[in-house]
Amino acid sequence: MELLENLNIQLYLAAYLIAGIPFGYLLAKIFAGVDIKQEGSGNIGATNVLRVLKQKNPSLAKKLGAATLFLDAIKGIVVLLIAKMAGAEPQTLWTVAVLAVWGHCFSIFLNFEGGKGIATGFGVLLFLLPIPTLIALAAWAIAAKTIKISSLASLIALATLLIASYIIYPEGIPGIGTHAPIWIIAVTVFYKHIPNLVRLFRKEEAPVA
């Protein structure tokens, strides 16, 4: 029992610390010499990387934006895979997922600042809740194509995910019997998008071309 508890603690720390690696910030700094936190929206996610670097080097912007998106999505999945192979219980897996999103959004490497949580949240939810997440991805694709505002498309996808999870699993997520982890992730992502919502209401939110 004590061994299992120690393993869980190690998984939780790994989830938070690995997900806290600010790949967008590092890639922009190393390959483009740009401090992404001081440019555009100041966010370290793929959208801001693409938007800021596109003004200087469109080809590099696409590559670094794609790399940021992939790395932010995969970093939570890595710890979940390790936890799964170690035989972790569903409660442990969902705790890992939540901590991965928190690690990205409140990174210890950036003085507890960070990204919006969309890519990392998508990664962990795709691993643990694939069908509702794929439905949400379809909603995001349609919204992004039509309104061309990344933050709004992301929030629409988030709402779609919540609705889909309740429709498909009305009695709670399999293995834990509750939707609580999804709500924790959703509230975290929504909180990180408050500045975007303010800019939307002021009609200052920049579209992604």
Protein backbone atom coordinates (compact mmCIF):
# COMPACT_ATOMS: atom_id res chain seq x y z
CA MET A 1 0.00 0.00 0.00
CA GLU A 2 2.79 2.40 0.93
CA LEU A 3 4.64 1.50 -2.28
CA LEU A 4 1.53 2.31 -4.33
CA GLU A 5 1.09 5.65 -2.57
CA ASN A 6 4.73 6.55 -3.25
CA LEU A 7 4.29 5.65 -6.92
CA ASN A 8 1.19 7.83 -7.16
CA ILE A 9 3.02 10.78 -5.61
CA GLN A 10 5.84 10.34 -8.11
CA LEU A 11 3.34 10.24 -10.97
CA TYR A 12 1.61 13.38 -9.71
CA LEU A 13 4.90 15.28 -9.44
CA ALA A 14 6.00 14.06 -12.86
CA ALA A 15 2.69 15.14 -14.41
CA TYR A 16 2.92 18.65 -12.98
CA LEU A 17 6.61 19.17 -13.71
CA ILE A 18 6.71 17.67 -17.22
CA ALA A 19 3.53 19.48 -18.26
CA GLY A 20 5.03 22.67 -16.85
CA ILE A 21 7.80 22.68 -19.48
CA PRO A 22 6.95 25.80 -21.58
CA PHE A 23 7.69 24.42 -25.02
CA GLY A 24 6.24 27.40 -26.90
CA TYR A 25 8.44 29.81 -24.95
CA LEU A 26 11.55 27.63 -25.38
CA LEU A 27 11.07 26.98 -29.10
CA ALA A 28 10.44 30.64 -29.91
CA LYS A 29 13.42 31.71 -27.82
CA ILE A 30 15.86 29.11 -29.18
CA PHE A 31 14.93 29.05 -32.87
CA ALA A 32 13.59 32.58 -33.44
CA GLY A 33 15.22 34.62 -30.68
CA VAL A 34 11.79 35.87 -29.57
CA ASP A 35 10.48 36.12 -26.01
CA ILE A 36 6.94 34.97 -26.70
CA LYS A 37 5.80 36.18 -23.29
CA GLN A 38 6.55 39.74 -24.35
CA GLU A 39 4.90 39.55 -27.77
CA GLY A 40 1.33 39.30 -29.01
CA SER A 41 -1.04 38.10 -26.30
CA GLY A 42 1.90 37.04 -24.13
CA ASN A 43 0.67 33.47 -24.13
CA ILE A 44 3.10 30.56 -24.56
CA GLY A 45 0.73 28.41 -26.62
CA ALA A 46 0.82 27.47 -30.29
CA THR A 47 -1.58 30.20 -31.41
CA ASN A 48 0.55 33.04 -30.09
CA VAL A 49 3.74 31.38 -31.35
CA LEU A 50 2.20 31.20 -34.83
CA ARG A 51 0.73 34.70 -34.72
CA VAL A 52 3.90 36.45 -33.50
CA LEU A 53 6.48 34.59 -35.57
CA LYS A 54 4.37 34.75 -38.72
CA GLN A 55 5.20 38.45 -38.96
CA LYS A 56 8.93 37.67 -39.12
CA ASN A 57 9.24 34.23 -40.69
CA PRO A 58 5.99 32.57 -41.89
CA SER A 59 7.64 29.25 -42.70
CA LEU A 60 9.36 28.99 -39.33
CA ALA A 61 6.18 30.16 -37.60
CA LYS A 62 4.19 27.21 -38.96
CA LYS A 63 6.86 24.72 -37.94
CA LEU A 64 7.27 26.08 -34.42
CA GLY A 65 3.52 26.49 -33.99
CA ALA A 66 2.95 22.86 -34.99
CA ALA A 67 5.79 21.68 -32.76
CA THR A 68 4.40 23.64 -29.82
CA LEU A 69 0.93 22.18 -30.34
CA PHE A 70 2.27 18.64 -30.55
CA LEU A 71 4.60 18.90 -27.55
CA ASP A 72 1.98 20.60 -25.37
CA ALA A 73 -0.52 17.87 -26.23
CA ILE A 74 1.86 14.96 -25.77
CA LYS A 75 3.46 15.97 -22.46
CA GLY A 76 0.42 14.98 -20.41
CA ILE A 77 -0.05 11.78 -22.37
CA VAL A 78 3.51 10.65 -21.60
CA VAL A 79 2.87 10.50 -17.86
CA LEU A 80 -0.53 8.89 -18.39
CA LEU A 81 1.08 6.15 -20.47
CA ILE A 82 3.63 5.51 -17.73
CA ALA A 83 0.87 5.46 -15.11
CA LYS A 84 -1.24 3.12 -17.24
CA MET A 85 1.65 0.69 -17.72
CA ALA A 86 2.29 0.80 -13.96
CA GLY A 87 -1.29 -0.35 -13.38
CA ALA A 88 -2.60 2.90 -11.92
CA GLU A 89 -6.26 3.07 -10.90
CA PRO A 90 -8.68 5.32 -12.85
CA GLN A 91 -8.72 7.85 -9.97
CA THR A 92 -4.94 8.13 -10.22
CA LEU A 93 -5.06 8.55 -13.99
CA TRP A 94 -7.57 11.38 -13.73
CA THR A 95 -5.54 13.07 -11.01
CA VAL A 96 -2.52 12.88 -13.31
CA ALA A 97 -4.62 14.45 -16.09
CA VAL A 98 -5.74 17.36 -13.91
CA LEU A 99 -2.21 17.98 -12.62
CA ALA A 100 -0.86 17.96 -16.17
CA VAL A 101 -3.27 20.72 -17.14
CA TRP A 102 -2.40 22.67 -13.98
CA GLY A 103 1.29 22.18 -14.70
CA HIS A 104 0.88 23.74 -18.13
CA CYS A 105 -1.39 26.55 -16.99
CA PHE A 106 0.53 27.36 -13.80
CA SER A 107 4.10 26.37 -14.62
CA ILE A 108 6.65 26.38 -11.82
CA PHE A 109 9.22 27.30 -14.48
CA LEU A 110 7.37 30.53 -15.33
CA ASN A 111 6.57 31.72 -11.80
CA PHE A 112 3.25 29.84 -11.91
CA GLU A 113 2.13 31.44 -15.13
CA GLY A 114 1.59 29.45 -18.31
CA GLY A 115 -0.61 28.62 -21.25
CA LYS A 116 -4.36 28.30 -21.69
CA GLY A 117 -4.47 24.52 -21.25
CA ILE A 118 -6.21 23.66 -24.51
CA ALA A 119 -3.53 21.48 -26.12
CA THR A 120 -2.52 19.74 -22.89
CA GLY A 121 -6.16 19.29 -21.90
CA PHE A 122 -6.94 17.88 -25.34
CA GLY A 123 -4.06 15.40 -25.02
CA VAL A 124 -5.03 13.98 -21.63
CA LEU A 125 -8.75 13.92 -22.44
CA LEU A 126 -8.15 12.20 -25.77
CA PHE A 127 -6.25 9.52 -23.86
CA LEU A 128 -8.86 9.05 -21.14
CA LEU A 129 -12.11 10.08 -22.83
CA PRO A 130 -11.60 9.65 -26.59
CA ILE A 131 -15.14 9.79 -27.99
CA PRO A 132 -16.31 13.04 -26.32
CA THR A 133 -12.91 14.57 -27.05
CA LEU A 134 -13.09 13.72 -30.75
CA ILE A 135 -16.59 15.23 -30.87
CA ALA A 136 -15.18 18.37 -29.24
CA LEU A 137 -12.33 18.39 -31.77
CA ALA A 138 -14.87 18.36 -34.61
CA ALA A 139 -16.70 21.27 -32.99
CA TRP A 140 -13.41 23.15 -32.65
CA ALA A 141 -12.55 22.56 -36.32
CA ILE A 142 -15.92 23.88 -37.49
CA ALA A 143 -15.78 26.89 -35.16
CA ALA A 144 -12.16 27.70 -36.03
CA LYS A 145 -12.93 27.51 -39.73
CA THR A 146 -15.98 29.78 -39.54
CA ILE A 147 -15.17 32.38 -36.86
CA LYS A 148 -11.34 32.23 -37.10
CA ILE A 149 -10.90 33.22 -33.45
CA SER A 150 -8.87 30.60 -31.62
CA SER A 151 -10.00 31.39 -28.09
CA LEU A 152 -13.71 31.33 -28.94
CA ALA A 153 -13.35 28.12 -30.94
CA SER A 154 -11.56 26.54 -27.99
CA LEU A 155 -14.30 27.52 -25.55
CA ILE A 156 -16.97 26.19 -27.90
CA ALA A 157 -15.07 22.90 -28.06
CA LEU A 158 -14.82 22.87 -24.27
CA ALA A 159 -18.58 23.30 -23.90
CA THR A 160 -19.14 20.58 -26.51
CA LEU A 161 -16.90 18.21 -24.58
CA LEU A 162 -18.85 18.73 -21.37
CA ILE A 163 -22.18 18.18 -23.09
CA ALA A 164 -20.93 15.11 -24.97
CA SER A 165 -19.52 13.56 -21.80
CA TYR A 166 -22.89 13.86 -20.05
CA ILE A 167 -24.78 12.45 -23.03
CA ILE A 168 -22.43 9.48 -23.49
CA TYR A 169 -21.75 8.88 -19.78
CA PRO A 170 -24.83 10.18 -17.93
CA GLU A 171 -23.87 8.33 -14.74
CA GLY A 172 -20.31 9.61 -14.69
CA ILE A 173 -16.99 8.81 -16.27
CA PRO A 174 -16.33 5.03 -16.35
CA GLY A 175 -14.16 3.91 -13.48
CA ILE A 176 -14.80 6.92 -11.23
CA GLY A 177 -18.55 7.52 -11.56
CA THR A 178 -18.31 11.32 -11.68
CA HIS A 179 -17.65 14.15 -14.14
CA ALA A 180 -15.67 16.14 -11.57
CA PRO A 181 -12.22 15.90 -13.25
CA ILE A 182 -13.64 17.23 -16.51
CA TRP A 183 -15.20 20.15 -14.68
CA ILE A 184 -11.92 20.91 -12.90
CA ILE A 185 -10.10 20.96 -16.23
CA ALA A 186 -12.89 22.99 -17.85
CA VAL A 187 -12.96 25.61 -15.09
CA THR A 188 -9.17 25.91 -15.25
CA VAL A 189 -9.21 26.42 -19.01
CA PHE A 190 -12.10 28.89 -18.77
CA TYR A 191 -10.27 30.86 -16.07
CA LYS A 192 -7.18 31.09 -18.27
CA HIS A 193 -9.35 32.41 -21.12
CA ILE A 194 -10.87 35.30 -19.14
CA PRO A 195 -8.46 37.85 -20.70
CA ASN A 196 -9.49 36.56 -24.14
CA LEU A 197 -13.16 36.98 -23.26
CA VAL A 198 -12.50 40.54 -22.15
CA ARG A 199 -10.80 41.26 -25.47
CA LEU A 200 -13.70 39.59 -27.30
CA PHE A 201 -16.23 41.87 -25.62
CA ARG A 202 -14.04 44.85 -26.50
CA LYS A 203 -13.71 43.51 -30.06
CA GLU A 204 -9.93 43.47 -29.64
CA GLU A 205 -9.32 39.74 -29.95
CA ALA A 206 -7.13 39.08 -32.99
CA PRO A 207 -8.23 36.38 -35.45
CA VAL A 208 -5.92 33.66 -36.68
CA ALA A 209 -5.40 34.07 -40.38
